[in-house]
Amino acid sequence: MDPNSVNSFMSLFMVFIGVMALYSAITGKGPIFNNDYPKAMKEDSNKMLRKFCWYIGPVTLITGALDYFWPRIVGEEVIRNGGFILSQLPYLVSMVLVIPAIVIYVVLFRKRFKQYLNKKKA
């Protein structure tokens, strides 16, 4: 398997994640809402998750599409001769926007629902 096909697959996977996140944000349904949280926190946690999906959906959709079409946008020669940062720009932007958002979401989620999460462990 050549690196270009793996890169294309990962780009399309990012687009798929973006579409699923946007679907979940719009409808409030989807596989990400299938959880076993206590009823007391379920509604609030789903609202928080839906807001997160409104952010993560467009970001992953746009950066995944840009990553997929990047060689066609800037040209194969620019990708080959432009160095790592230029060749991987959409991917790097995606990581800079997505990874901190996930970390912030997890920290805020744990802080906000700490009392429910502690009860679940016991």
PDB file of N, CA and C in Angstrom:
ATOM      1  N   MET A   1       0.854  -1.179   0.000  1.00  0.00           N
ATOM      2  CA  MET A   1       0.000   0.000   0.000  1.00  0.00           C
ATOM      3  C   MET A   1       0.896   1.237   0.000  1.00  0.00           C
ATOM      4  N   ASP A   2       0.696   2.105  -0.950  1.00  0.00           N
ATOM      5  CA  ASP A   2       1.551   3.280  -1.033  1.00  0.00           C
ATOM      6  C   ASP A   2       1.059   4.376  -0.086  1.00  0.00           C
ATOM      7  N   PRO A   3       1.954   5.276   0.310  1.00  0.00           N
ATOM      8  CA  PRO A   3       1.597   6.321   1.278  1.00  0.00           C
ATOM      9  C   PRO A   3       0.465   7.234   0.813  1.00  0.00           C
ATOM     10  N   ASN A   4       0.351   7.458  -0.482  1.00  0.00           N
ATOM     11  CA  ASN A   4      -0.721   8.334  -0.967  1.00  0.00           C
ATOM     12  C   ASN A   4      -2.097   7.742  -0.722  1.00  0.00           C
ATOM     13  N   SER A   5      -2.239   6.431  -0.869  1.00  0.00           N
ATOM     14  CA  SER A   5      -3.545   5.815  -0.644  1.00  0.00           C
ATOM     15  C   SER A   5      -3.897   5.828   0.840  1.00  0.00           C
ATOM     16  N   VAL A   6      -2.902   5.653   1.706  1.00  0.00           N
ATOM     17  CA  VAL A   6      -3.149   5.736   3.147  1.00  0.00           C
ATOM     18  C   VAL A   6      -3.549   7.158   3.517  1.00  0.00           C
ATOM     19  N   ASN A   7      -2.849   8.130   2.964  1.00  0.00           N
ATOM     20  CA  ASN A   7      -3.164   9.535   3.232  1.00  0.00           C
ATOM     21  C   ASN A   7      -4.569   9.869   2.739  1.00  0.00           C
ATOM     22  N   SER A   8      -4.929   9.389   1.560  1.00  0.00           N
ATOM     23  CA  SER A   8      -6.275   9.634   1.025  1.00  0.00           C
ATOM     24  C   SER A   8      -7.332   8.975   1.901  1.00  0.00           C
ATOM     25  N   PHE A   9      -7.053   7.767   2.374  1.00  0.00           N
ATOM     26  CA  PHE A   9      -7.998   7.082   3.254  1.00  0.00           C
ATOM     27  C   PHE A   9      -8.200   7.872   4.540  1.00  0.00           C
ATOM     28  N   MET A  10      -7.127   8.348   5.143  1.00  0.00           N
ATOM     29  CA  MET A  10      -7.240   9.110   6.389  1.00  0.00           C
ATOM     30  C   MET A  10      -7.980  10.423   6.158  1.00  0.00           C
ATOM     31  N   SER A  11      -7.765  11.054   5.030  1.00  0.00           N
ATOM     32  CA  SER A  11      -8.481  12.287   4.704  1.00  0.00           C
ATOM     33  C   SER A  11      -9.977  12.018   4.576  1.00  0.00           C
ATOM     34  N   LEU A  12     -10.322  10.955   3.885  1.00  0.00           N
ATOM     35  CA  LEU A  12     -11.735  10.600   3.733  1.00  0.00           C
ATOM     36  C   LEU A  12     -12.346  10.172   5.064  1.00  0.00           C
ATOM     37  N   PHE A  13     -11.558   9.543   5.918  1.00  0.00           N
ATOM     38  CA  PHE A  13     -12.031   9.180   7.249  1.00  0.00           C
ATOM     39  C   PHE A  13     -12.336  10.435   8.061  1.00  0.00           C
ATOM     40  N   MET A  14     -11.494  11.460   7.941  1.00  0.00           N
ATOM     41  CA  MET A  14     -11.748  12.737   8.621  1.00  0.00           C
ATOM     42  C   MET A  14     -13.038  13.365   8.099  1.00  0.00           C
ATOM     43  N   VAL A  15     -13.261  13.298   6.802  1.00  0.00           N
ATOM     44  CA  VAL A  15     -14.505  13.825   6.226  1.00  0.00           C
ATOM     45  C   VAL A  15     -15.698  13.067   6.798  1.00  0.00           C
ATOM     46  N   PHE A  16     -15.582  11.745   6.888  1.00  0.00           N
ATOM     47  CA  PHE A  16     -16.658  10.925   7.450  1.00  0.00           C
ATOM     48  C   PHE A  16     -16.935  11.310   8.903  1.00  0.00           C
ATOM     49  N   ILE A  17     -15.894  11.501   9.694  1.00  0.00           N
ATOM     50  CA  ILE A  17     -16.069  11.922  11.087  1.00  0.00           C
ATOM     51  C   ILE A  17     -16.771  13.278  11.141  1.00  0.00           C
ATOM     52  N   GLY A  18     -16.380  14.191  10.271  1.00  0.00           N
ATOM     53  CA  GLY A  18     -17.018  15.508  10.225  1.00  0.00           C
ATOM     54  C   GLY A  18     -18.488  15.426   9.881  1.00  0.00           C
ATOM     55  N   VAL A  19     -18.821  14.584   8.911  1.00  0.00           N
ATOM     56  CA  VAL A  19     -20.233  14.413   8.518  1.00  0.00           C
ATOM     57  C   VAL A  19     -21.031  13.816   9.670  1.00  0.00           C
ATOM     58  N   MET A  20     -20.482  12.798  10.323  1.00  0.00           N
ATOM     59  CA  MET A  20     -21.182  12.175  11.452  1.00  0.00           C
ATOM     60  C   MET A  20     -21.354  13.145  12.614  1.00  0.00           C
ATOM     61  N   ALA A  21     -20.325  13.947  12.879  1.00  0.00           N
ATOM     62  CA  ALA A  21     -20.411  14.925  13.963  1.00  0.00           C
ATOM     63  C   ALA A  21     -21.453  15.997  13.640  1.00  0.00           C
ATOM     64  N   LEU A  22     -21.484  16.456  12.403  1.00  0.00           N
ATOM     65  CA  LEU A  22     -22.498  17.447  12.015  1.00  0.00           C
ATOM     66  C   LEU A  22     -23.903  16.858  12.076  1.00  0.00           C
ATOM     67  N   TYR A  23     -24.059  15.612  11.646  1.00  0.00           N
ATOM     68  CA  TYR A  23     -25.354  14.946  11.744  1.00  0.00           C
ATOM     69  C   TYR A  23     -25.792  14.885  13.205  1.00  0.00           C
ATOM     70  N   SER A  24     -24.885  14.509  14.076  1.00  0.00           N
ATOM     71  CA  SER A  24     -25.209  14.429  15.499  1.00  0.00           C
ATOM     72  C   SER A  24     -25.512  15.799  16.088  1.00  0.00           C
ATOM     73  N   ALA A  25     -24.787  16.809  15.652  1.00  0.00           N
ATOM     74  CA  ALA A  25     -25.030  18.160  16.150  1.00  0.00           C
ATOM     75  C   ALA A  25     -26.389  18.679  15.708  1.00  0.00           C
ATOM     76  N   ILE A  26     -26.758  18.407  14.479  1.00  0.00           N
ATOM     77  CA  ILE A  26     -28.027  18.902  13.936  1.00  0.00           C
ATOM     78  C   ILE A  26     -29.218  18.154  14.525  1.00  0.00           C
ATOM     79  N   THR A  27     -29.130  16.828  14.568  1.00  0.00           N
ATOM     80  CA  THR A  27     -30.287  16.021  14.975  1.00  0.00           C
ATOM     81  C   THR A  27     -30.322  15.702  16.461  1.00  0.00           C
ATOM     82  N   GLY A  28     -29.178  15.734  17.124  1.00  0.00           N
ATOM     83  CA  GLY A  28     -29.127  15.313  18.516  1.00  0.00           C
ATOM     84  C   GLY A  28     -29.209  13.807  18.649  1.00  0.00           C
ATOM     85  N   LYS A  29     -28.979  13.107  17.557  1.00  0.00           N
ATOM     86  CA  LYS A  29     -29.011  11.646  17.537  1.00  0.00           C
ATOM     87  C   LYS A  29     -27.705  11.137  16.949  1.00  0.00           C
ATOM     88  N   GLY A  30     -27.524   9.855  17.083  1.00  0.00           N
ATOM     89  CA  GLY A  30     -26.346   9.234  16.490  1.00  0.00           C
ATOM     90  C   GLY A  30     -25.636   8.354  17.483  1.00  0.00           C
ATOM     91  N   PRO A  31     -24.634   7.637  17.001  1.00  0.00           N
ATOM     92  CA  PRO A  31     -23.938   6.685  17.864  1.00  0.00           C
ATOM     93  C   PRO A  31     -23.213   7.332  19.045  1.00  0.00           C
ATOM     94  N   ILE A  32     -22.816   8.581  18.915  1.00  0.00           N
ATOM     95  CA  ILE A  32     -22.092   9.203  20.025  1.00  0.00           C
ATOM     96  C   ILE A  32     -22.988   9.476  21.225  1.00  0.00           C
ATOM     97  N   PHE A  33     -24.298   9.475  21.024  1.00  0.00           N
ATOM     98  CA  PHE A  33     -25.215   9.716  22.136  1.00  0.00           C
ATOM     99  C   PHE A  33     -25.633   8.420  22.829  1.00  0.00           C
ATOM    100  N   ASN A  34     -25.148   7.277  22.347  1.00  0.00           N
ATOM    101  CA  ASN A  34     -25.438   6.001  22.994  1.00  0.00           C
ATOM    102  C   ASN A  34     -24.465   5.809  24.150  1.00  0.00           C
ATOM    103  N   ASN A  35     -24.888   6.200  25.336  1.00  0.00           N
ATOM    104  CA  ASN A  35     -24.040   6.064  26.516  1.00  0.00           C
ATOM    105  C   ASN A  35     -24.898   5.591  27.686  1.00  0.00           C
ATOM    106  N   ASP A  36     -24.245   5.193  28.734  1.00  0.00           N
ATOM    107  CA  ASP A  36     -24.973   4.699  29.899  1.00  0.00           C
ATOM    108  C   ASP A  36     -24.791   5.622  31.110  1.00  0.00           C
ATOM    109  N   TYR A  37     -24.829   6.921  30.852  1.00  0.00           N
ATOM    110  CA  TYR A  37     -24.720   7.882  31.938  1.00  0.00           C
ATOM    111  C   TYR A  37     -25.988   7.864  32.780  1.00  0.00           C
ATOM    112  N   PRO A  38     -25.883   8.242  34.048  1.00  0.00           N
ATOM    113  CA  PRO A  38     -27.084   8.342  34.883  1.00  0.00           C
ATOM    114  C   PRO A  38     -28.052   9.384  34.314  1.00  0.00           C
ATOM    115  N   LYS A  39     -29.346   9.185  34.542  1.00  0.00           N
ATOM    116  CA  LYS A  39     -30.357  10.102  34.002  1.00  0.00           C
ATOM    117  C   LYS A  39     -30.131  11.535  34.453  1.00  0.00           C
ATOM    118  N   ALA A  40     -29.625  11.706  35.662  1.00  0.00           N
ATOM    119  CA  ALA A  40     -29.419  13.050  36.207  1.00  0.00           C
ATOM    120  C   ALA A  40     -28.434  13.868  35.379  1.00  0.00           C
ATOM    121  N   MET A  41     -27.501  13.228  34.731  1.00  0.00           N
ATOM    122  CA  MET A  41     -26.505  13.973  33.958  1.00  0.00           C
ATOM    123  C   MET A  41     -26.663  13.807  32.455  1.00  0.00           C
ATOM    124  N   LYS A  42     -27.496  12.876  32.023  1.00  0.00           N
ATOM    125  CA  LYS A  42     -27.597  12.530  30.602  1.00  0.00           C
ATOM    126  C   LYS A  42     -27.985  13.733  29.737  1.00  0.00           C
ATOM    127  N   GLU A  43     -29.006  14.491  30.153  1.00  0.00           N
ATOM    128  CA  GLU A  43     -29.464  15.616  29.333  1.00  0.00           C
ATOM    129  C   GLU A  43     -28.382  16.691  29.210  1.00  0.00           C
ATOM    130  N   ASP A  44     -27.768  17.052  30.334  1.00  0.00           N
ATOM    131  CA  ASP A  44     -26.719  18.075  30.299  1.00  0.00           C
ATOM    132  C   ASP A  44     -25.489  17.603  29.523  1.00  0.00           C
ATOM    133  N   SER A  45     -25.125  16.344  29.716  1.00  0.00           N
ATOM    134  CA  SER A  45     -23.941  15.847  29.005  1.00  0.00           C
ATOM    135  C   SER A  45     -24.207  15.773  27.505  1.00  0.00           C
ATOM    136  N   ASN A  46     -25.434  15.429  27.110  1.00  0.00           N
ATOM    137  CA  ASN A  46     -25.753  15.397  25.685  1.00  0.00           C
ATOM    138  C   ASN A  46     -25.769  16.793  25.074  1.00  0.00           C
ATOM    139  N   LYS A  47     -26.207  17.802  25.846  1.00  0.00           N
ATOM    140  CA  LYS A  47     -26.143  19.190  25.355  1.00  0.00           C
ATOM    141  C   LYS A  47     -24.695  19.616  25.148  1.00  0.00           C
ATOM    142  N   MET A  48     -23.858  19.250  26.104  1.00  0.00           N
ATOM    143  CA  MET A  48     -22.439  19.600  25.996  1.00  0.00           C
ATOM    144  C   MET A  48     -21.803  18.892  24.808  1.00  0.00           C
ATOM    145  N   LEU A  49     -22.144  17.632  24.617  1.00  0.00           N
ATOM    146  CA  LEU A  49     -21.621  16.862  23.492  1.00  0.00           C
ATOM    147  C   LEU A  49     -22.099  17.430  22.159  1.00  0.00           C
ATOM    148  N   ARG A  50     -23.333  17.875  22.133  1.00  0.00           N
ATOM    149  CA  ARG A  50     -23.875  18.451  20.902  1.00  0.00           C
ATOM    150  C   ARG A  50     -23.144  19.741  20.530  1.00  0.00           C
ATOM    151  N   LYS A  51     -22.828  20.574  21.531  1.00  0.00           N
ATOM    152  CA  LYS A  51     -22.050  21.794  21.275  1.00  0.00           C
ATOM    153  C   LYS A  51     -20.660  21.444  20.759  1.00  0.00           C
ATOM    154  N   PHE A  52     -20.073  20.419  21.344  1.00  0.00           N
ATOM    155  CA  PHE A  52     -18.753  19.965  20.896  1.00  0.00           C
ATOM    156  C   PHE A  52     -18.817  19.509  19.440  1.00  0.00           C
ATOM    157  N   CYS A  53     -19.885  18.810  19.085  1.00  0.00           N
ATOM    158  CA  CYS A  53     -20.054  18.338  17.700  1.00  0.00           C
ATOM    159  C   CYS A  53     -20.205  19.507  16.730  1.00  0.00           C
ATOM    160  N   TRP A  54     -20.832  20.589  17.174  1.00  0.00           N
ATOM    161  CA  TRP A  54     -20.957  21.767  16.312  1.00  0.00           C
ATOM    162  C   TRP A  54     -19.590  22.353  15.983  1.00  0.00           C
ATOM    163  N   TYR A  55     -18.632  22.187  16.883  1.00  0.00           N
ATOM    164  CA  TYR A  55     -17.278  22.668  16.603  1.00  0.00           C
ATOM    165  C   TYR A  55     -16.481  21.648  15.791  1.00  0.00           C
ATOM    166  N   ILE A  56     -16.457  20.431  16.288  1.00  0.00           N
ATOM    167  CA  ILE A  56     -15.573  19.419  15.709  1.00  0.00           C
ATOM    168  C   ILE A  56     -16.032  18.989  14.312  1.00  0.00           C
ATOM    169  N   GLY A  57     -17.332  18.999  14.049  1.00  0.00           N
ATOM    170  CA  GLY A  57     -17.858  18.573  12.753  1.00  0.00           C
ATOM    171  C   GLY A  57     -17.330  19.398  11.593  1.00  0.00           C
ATOM    172  N   PRO A  58     -17.574  20.701  11.597  1.00  0.00           N
ATOM    173  CA  PRO A  58     -17.065  21.511  10.477  1.00  0.00           C
ATOM    174  C   PRO A  58     -15.543  21.504  10.366  1.00  0.00           C
ATOM    175  N   VAL A  59     -14.858  21.514  11.505  1.00  0.00           N
ATOM    176  CA  VAL A  59     -13.389  21.530  11.465  1.00  0.00           C
ATOM    177  C   VAL A  59     -12.856  20.267  10.807  1.00  0.00           C
ATOM    178  N   THR A  60     -13.340  19.098  11.215  1.00  0.00           N
ATOM    179  CA  THR A  60     -12.833  17.856  10.625  1.00  0.00           C
ATOM    180  C   THR A  60     -13.294  17.695   9.181  1.00  0.00           C
ATOM    181  N   LEU A  61     -14.497  18.130   8.876  1.00  0.00           N
ATOM    182  CA  LEU A  61     -14.999  18.044   7.504  1.00  0.00           C
ATOM    183  C   LEU A  61     -14.157  18.903   6.561  1.00  0.00           C
ATOM    184  N   ILE A  62     -13.938  20.140   6.930  1.00  0.00           N
ATOM    185  CA  ILE A  62     -13.184  21.066   6.076  1.00  0.00           C
ATOM    186  C   ILE A  62     -11.719  20.660   5.972  1.00  0.00           C
ATOM    187  N   THR A  63     -11.086  20.354   7.092  1.00  0.00           N
ATOM    188  CA  THR A  63      -9.667  20.007   7.022  1.00  0.00           C
ATOM    189  C   THR A  63      -9.452  18.650   6.355  1.00  0.00           C
ATOM    190  N   GLY A  64     -10.381  17.718   6.530  1.00  0.00           N
ATOM    191  CA  GLY A  64     -10.275  16.435   5.830  1.00  0.00           C
ATOM    192  C   GLY A  64     -10.396  16.616   4.327  1.00  0.00           C
ATOM    193  N   ALA A  65     -11.357  17.438   3.900  1.00  0.00           N
ATOM    194  CA  ALA A  65     -11.520  17.710   2.467  1.00  0.00           C
ATOM    195  C   ALA A  65     -10.307  18.456   1.914  1.00  0.00           C
ATOM    196  N   LEU A  66      -9.819  19.436   2.655  1.00  0.00           N
ATOM    197  CA  LEU A  66      -8.614  20.159   2.218  1.00  0.00           C
ATOM    198  C   LEU A  66      -7.419  19.220   2.117  1.00  0.00           C
ATOM    199  N   ASP A  67      -7.274  18.345   3.084  1.00  0.00           N
ATOM    200  CA  ASP A  67      -6.161  17.400   3.056  1.00  0.00           C
ATOM    201  C   ASP A  67      -6.250  16.483   1.843  1.00  0.00           C
ATOM    202  N   TYR A  68      -7.453  16.026   1.530  1.00  0.00           N
ATOM    203  CA  TYR A  68      -7.656  15.148   0.380  1.00  0.00           C
ATOM    204  C   TYR A  68      -7.333  15.861  -0.938  1.00  0.00           C
ATOM    205  N   PHE A  69      -7.792  17.106  -1.066  1.00  0.00           N
ATOM    206  CA  PHE A  69      -7.607  17.853  -2.312  1.00  0.00           C
ATOM    207  C   PHE A  69      -6.348  18.716  -2.332  1.00  0.00           C
ATOM    208  N   TRP A  70      -5.573  18.728  -1.259  1.00  0.00           N
ATOM    209  CA  TRP A  70      -4.408  19.605  -1.152  1.00  0.00           C
ATOM    210  C   TRP A  70      -3.428  19.464  -2.312  1.00  0.00           C
ATOM    211  N   PRO A  71      -3.052  18.250  -2.733  1.00  0.00           N
ATOM    212  CA  PRO A  71      -2.132  18.152  -3.880  1.00  0.00           C
ATOM    213  C   PRO A  71      -2.728  18.744  -5.156  1.00  0.00           C
ATOM    214  N   ARG A  72      -4.023  18.664  -5.307  1.00  0.00           N
ATOM    215  CA  ARG A  72      -4.665  19.235  -6.496  1.00  0.00           C
ATOM    216  C   ARG A  72      -4.767  20.759  -6.394  1.00  0.00           C
ATOM    217  N   ILE A  73      -4.858  21.275  -5.162  1.00  0.00           N
ATOM    218  CA  ILE A  73      -4.988  22.724  -4.963  1.00  0.00           C
ATOM    219  C   ILE A  73      -3.655  23.426  -5.183  1.00  0.00           C
ATOM    220  N   VAL A  74      -2.610  22.949  -4.515  1.00  0.00           N
ATOM    221  CA  VAL A  74      -1.314  23.646  -4.604  1.00  0.00           C
ATOM    222  C   VAL A  74      -0.395  23.047  -5.659  1.00  0.00           C
ATOM    223  N   GLY A  75      -0.695  21.849  -6.126  1.00  0.00           N
ATOM    224  CA  GLY A  75       0.122  21.207  -7.157  1.00  0.00           C
ATOM    225  C   GLY A  75       1.080  20.176  -6.574  1.00  0.00           C
ATOM    226  N   GLU A  76       1.265  19.108  -7.323  1.00  0.00           N
ATOM    227  CA  GLU A  76       2.145  18.019  -6.885  1.00  0.00           C
ATOM    228  C   GLU A  76       3.595  18.485  -6.717  1.00  0.00           C
ATOM    229  N   GLU A  77       4.044  19.365  -7.609  1.00  0.00           N
ATOM    230  CA  GLU A  77       5.427  19.833  -7.534  1.00  0.00           C
ATOM    231  C   GLU A  77       5.673  20.637  -6.262  1.00  0.00           C
ATOM    232  N   VAL A  78       4.719  21.460  -5.878  1.00  0.00           N
ATOM    233  CA  VAL A  78       4.844  22.242  -4.650  1.00  0.00           C
ATOM    234  C   VAL A  78       4.884  21.301  -3.444  1.00  0.00           C
ATOM    235  N   ILE A  79       4.065  20.257  -3.482  1.00  0.00           N
ATOM    236  CA  ILE A  79       4.056  19.276  -2.392  1.00  0.00           C
ATOM    237  C   ILE A  79       5.417  18.581  -2.288  1.00  0.00           C
ATOM    238  N   ARG A  80       5.978  18.170  -3.415  1.00  0.00           N
ATOM    239  CA  ARG A  80       7.265  17.475  -3.417  1.00  0.00           C
ATOM    240  C   ARG A  80       8.407  18.379  -2.974  1.00  0.00           C
ATOM    241  N   ASN A  81       8.391  19.620  -3.424  1.00  0.00           N
ATOM    242  CA  ASN A  81       9.525  20.517  -3.176  1.00  0.00           C
ATOM    243  C   ASN A  81       9.299  21.499  -2.035  1.00  0.00           C
ATOM    244  N   GLY A  82       8.116  21.540  -1.493  1.00  0.00           N
ATOM    245  CA  GLY A  82       7.784  22.558  -0.504  1.00  0.00           C
ATOM    246  C   GLY A  82       8.144  22.227   0.921  1.00  0.00           C
ATOM    247  N   GLY A  83       8.566  21.031   1.191  1.00  0.00           N
ATOM    248  CA  GLY A  83       8.912  20.675   2.560  1.00  0.00           C
ATOM    249  C   GLY A  83       7.724  20.097   3.310  1.00  0.00           C
ATOM    250  N   PHE A  84       8.014  19.630   4.493  1.00  0.00           N
ATOM    251  CA  PHE A  84       7.012  18.928   5.293  1.00  0.00           C
ATOM    252  C   PHE A  84       5.817  19.804   5.661  1.00  0.00           C
ATOM    253  N   ILE A  85       6.075  21.010   6.141  1.00  0.00           N
ATOM    254  CA  ILE A  85       4.978  21.859   6.621  1.00  0.00           C
ATOM    255  C   ILE A  85       4.018  22.199   5.493  1.00  0.00           C
ATOM    256  N   LEU A  86       4.520  22.582   4.357  1.00  0.00           N
ATOM    257  CA  LEU A  86       3.645  22.923   3.239  1.00  0.00           C
ATOM    258  C   LEU A  86       2.892  21.706   2.729  1.00  0.00           C
ATOM    259  N   SER A  87       3.555  20.568   2.678  1.00  0.00           N
ATOM    260  CA  SER A  87       2.886  19.377   2.152  1.00  0.00           C
ATOM    261  C   SER A  87       1.825  18.842   3.103  1.00  0.00           C
ATOM    262  N   GLN A  88       1.980  19.073   4.387  1.00  0.00           N
ATOM    263  CA  GLN A  88       1.050  18.546   5.385  1.00  0.00           C
ATOM    264  C   GLN A  88       0.218  19.636   6.055  1.00  0.00           C
ATOM    265  N   LEU A  89       0.123  20.809   5.468  1.00  0.00           N
ATOM    266  CA  LEU A  89      -0.530  21.946   6.108  1.00  0.00           C
ATOM    267  C   LEU A  89      -1.964  21.676   6.576  1.00  0.00           C
ATOM    268  N   PRO A  90      -2.862  21.145   5.739  1.00  0.00           N
ATOM    269  CA  PRO A  90      -4.228  20.904   6.227  1.00  0.00           C
ATOM    270  C   PRO A  90      -4.265  19.917   7.396  1.00  0.00           C
ATOM    271  N   TYR A  91      -3.441  18.880   7.333  1.00  0.00           N
ATOM    272  CA  TYR A  91      -3.376  17.900   8.415  1.00  0.00           C
ATOM    273  C   TYR A  91      -2.882  18.550   9.705  1.00  0.00           C
ATOM    274  N   LEU A  92      -1.845  19.360   9.630  1.00  0.00           N
ATOM    275  CA  LEU A  92      -1.306  20.025  10.806  1.00  0.00           C
ATOM    276  C   LEU A  92      -2.312  21.003  11.405  1.00  0.00           C
ATOM    277  N   VAL A  93      -3.001  21.749  10.545  1.00  0.00           N
ATOM    278  CA  VAL A  93      -4.041  22.669  11.025  1.00  0.00           C
ATOM    279  C   VAL A  93      -5.127  21.885  11.743  1.00  0.00           C
ATOM    280  N   SER A  94      -5.512  20.756  11.172  1.00  0.00           N
ATOM    281  CA  SER A  94      -6.524  19.909  11.784  1.00  0.00           C
ATOM    282  C   SER A  94      -6.092  19.471  13.182  1.00  0.00           C
ATOM    283  N   MET A  95      -4.866  19.024  13.318  1.00  0.00           N
ATOM    284  CA  MET A  95      -4.387  18.556  14.616  1.00  0.00           C
ATOM    285  C   MET A  95      -4.307  19.696  15.627  1.00  0.00           C
ATOM    286  N   VAL A  96      -3.923  20.883  15.160  1.00  0.00           N
ATOM    287  CA  VAL A  96      -3.832  22.034  16.060  1.00  0.00           C
ATOM    288  C   VAL A  96      -5.229  22.451  16.550  1.00  0.00           C
ATOM    289  N   LEU A  97      -6.242  22.269  15.725  1.00  0.00           N
ATOM    290  CA  LEU A  97      -7.600  22.654  16.111  1.00  0.00           C
ATOM    291  C   LEU A  97      -8.362  21.536  16.826  1.00  0.00           C
ATOM    292  N   VAL A  98      -8.113  20.289  16.470  1.00  0.00           N
ATOM    293  CA  VAL A  98      -8.908  19.169  16.997  1.00  0.00           C
ATOM    294  C   VAL A  98      -8.374  18.654  18.335  1.00  0.00           C
ATOM    295  N   ILE A  99      -7.085  18.404  18.437  1.00  0.00           N
ATOM    296  CA  ILE A  99      -6.546  17.797  19.659  1.00  0.00           C
ATOM    297  C   ILE A  99      -6.771  18.686  20.888  1.00  0.00           C
ATOM    298  N   PRO A 100      -6.472  19.982  20.838  1.00  0.00           N
ATOM    299  CA  PRO A 100      -6.777  20.805  22.012  1.00  0.00           C
ATOM    300  C   PRO A 100      -8.285  20.854  22.332  1.00  0.00           C
ATOM    301  N   ALA A 101      -9.123  20.825  21.301  1.00  0.00           N
ATOM    302  CA  ALA A 101     -10.569  20.840  21.543  1.00  0.00           C
ATOM    303  C   ALA A 101     -11.005  19.579  22.280  1.00  0.00           C
ATOM    304  N   ILE A 102     -10.455  18.437  21.909  1.00  0.00           N
ATOM    305  CA  ILE A 102     -10.791  17.185  22.595  1.00  0.00           C
ATOM    306  C   ILE A 102     -10.316  17.231  24.047  1.00  0.00           C
ATOM    307  N   VAL A 103      -9.110  17.716  24.266  1.00  0.00           N
ATOM    308  CA  VAL A 103      -8.570  17.809  25.623  1.00  0.00           C
ATOM    309  C   VAL A 103      -9.434  18.751  26.465  1.00  0.00           C
ATOM    310  N   ILE A 104      -9.788  19.899  25.915  1.00  0.00           N
ATOM    311  CA  ILE A 104     -10.624  20.859  26.647  1.00  0.00           C
ATOM    312  C   ILE A 104     -11.981  20.254  26.958  1.00  0.00           C
ATOM    313  N   TYR A 105     -12.575  19.558  25.983  1.00  0.00           N
ATOM    314  CA  TYR A 105     -13.879  18.921  26.204  1.00  0.00           C
ATOM    315  C   TYR A 105     -13.797  17.896  27.333  1.00  0.00           C
ATOM    316  N   VAL A 106     -12.780  17.052  27.313  1.00  0.00           N
ATOM    317  CA  VAL A 106     -12.642  16.016  28.344  1.00  0.00           C
ATOM    318  C   VAL A 106     -12.447  16.645  29.721  1.00  0.00           C
ATOM    319  N   VAL A 107     -11.603  17.673  29.804  1.00  0.00           N
ATOM    320  CA  VAL A 107     -11.365  18.343  31.090  1.00  0.00           C
ATOM    321  C   VAL A 107     -12.658  18.990  31.604  1.00  0.00           C
ATOM    322  N   LEU A 108     -13.351  19.720  30.735  1.00  0.00           N
ATOM    323  CA  LEU A 108     -14.603  20.362  31.153  1.00  0.00           C
ATOM    324  C   LEU A 108     -15.665  19.333  31.530  1.00  0.00           C
ATOM    325  N   PHE A 109     -15.738  18.247  30.768  1.00  0.00           N
ATOM    326  CA  PHE A 109     -16.707  17.197  31.055  1.00  0.00           C
ATOM    327  C   PHE A 109     -16.434  16.576  32.421  1.00  0.00           C
ATOM    328  N   ARG A 110     -15.190  16.236  32.678  1.00  0.00           N
ATOM    329  CA  ARG A 110     -14.833  15.625  33.967  1.00  0.00           C
ATOM    330  C   ARG A 110     -15.062  16.588  35.125  1.00  0.00           C
ATOM    331  N   LYS A 111     -14.767  17.844  34.910  1.00  0.00           N
ATOM    332  CA  LYS A 111     -14.959  18.844  35.964  1.00  0.00           C
ATOM    333  C   LYS A 111     -16.447  19.046  36.248  1.00  0.00           C
ATOM    334  N   ARG A 112     -17.244  19.129  35.196  1.00  0.00           N
ATOM    335  CA  ARG A 112     -18.670  19.406  35.347  1.00  0.00           C
ATOM    336  C   ARG A 112     -19.447  18.218  35.918  1.00  0.00           C
ATOM    337  N   PHE A 113     -19.087  17.011  35.542  1.00  0.00           N
ATOM    338  CA  PHE A 113     -19.842  15.820  35.941  1.00  0.00           C
ATOM    339  C   PHE A 113     -19.054  14.925  36.894  1.00  0.00           C
ATOM    340  N   LYS A 114     -18.151  15.536  37.624  1.00  0.00           N
ATOM    341  CA  LYS A 114     -17.278  14.799  38.532  1.00  0.00           C
ATOM    342  C   LYS A 114     -18.061  13.945  39.540  1.00  0.00           C
ATOM    343  N   GLN A 115     -19.108  14.523  40.130  1.00  0.00           N
ATOM    344  CA  GLN A 115     -19.852  13.795  41.159  1.00  0.00           C
ATOM    345  C   GLN A 115     -20.547  12.558  40.593  1.00  0.00           C
ATOM    346  N   TYR A 116     -21.022  12.620  39.356  1.00  0.00           N
ATOM    347  CA  TYR A 116     -21.689  11.473  38.742  1.00  0.00           C
ATOM    348  C   TYR A 116     -20.686  10.395  38.332  1.00  0.00           C
ATOM    349  N   LEU A 117     -19.534  10.833  37.865  1.00  0.00           N
ATOM    350  CA  LEU A 117     -18.520   9.888  37.419  1.00  0.00           C
ATOM    351  C   LEU A 117     -17.921   9.124  38.594  1.00  0.00           C
ATOM    352  N   ASN A 118     -17.763   9.789  39.755  1.00  0.00           N
ATOM    353  CA  ASN A 118     -17.251   9.115  40.940  1.00  0.00           C
ATOM    354  C   ASN A 118     -18.214   8.059  41.441  1.00  0.00           C
ATOM    355  N   LYS A 119     -19.522   8.308  41.364  1.00  0.00           N
ATOM    356  CA  LYS A 119     -20.530   7.349  41.810  1.00  0.00           C
ATOM    357  C   LYS A 119     -20.536   6.121  40.908  1.00  0.00           C
ATOM    358  N   LYS A 120     -20.253   6.333  39.639  1.00  0.00           N
ATOM    359  CA  LYS A 120     -20.290   5.235  38.677  1.00  0.00           C
ATOM    360  C   LYS A 120     -19.180   4.220  38.961  1.00  0.00           C
ATOM    361  N   LYS A 121     -18.021   4.701  39.416  1.00  0.00           N
ATOM    362  CA  LYS A 121     -16.906   3.816  39.708  1.00  0.00           C
ATOM    363  C   LYS A 121     -17.189   2.915  40.907  1.00  0.00           C
ATOM    364  N   ALA A 122     -17.885   3.434  41.871  1.00  0.00           N
ATOM    365  CA  ALA A 122     -18.137   2.685  43.114  1.00  0.00           C
ATOM    366  C   ALA A 122     -19.133   1.566  42.944  1.00  0.00           C
TER     367      ALA A 122
END
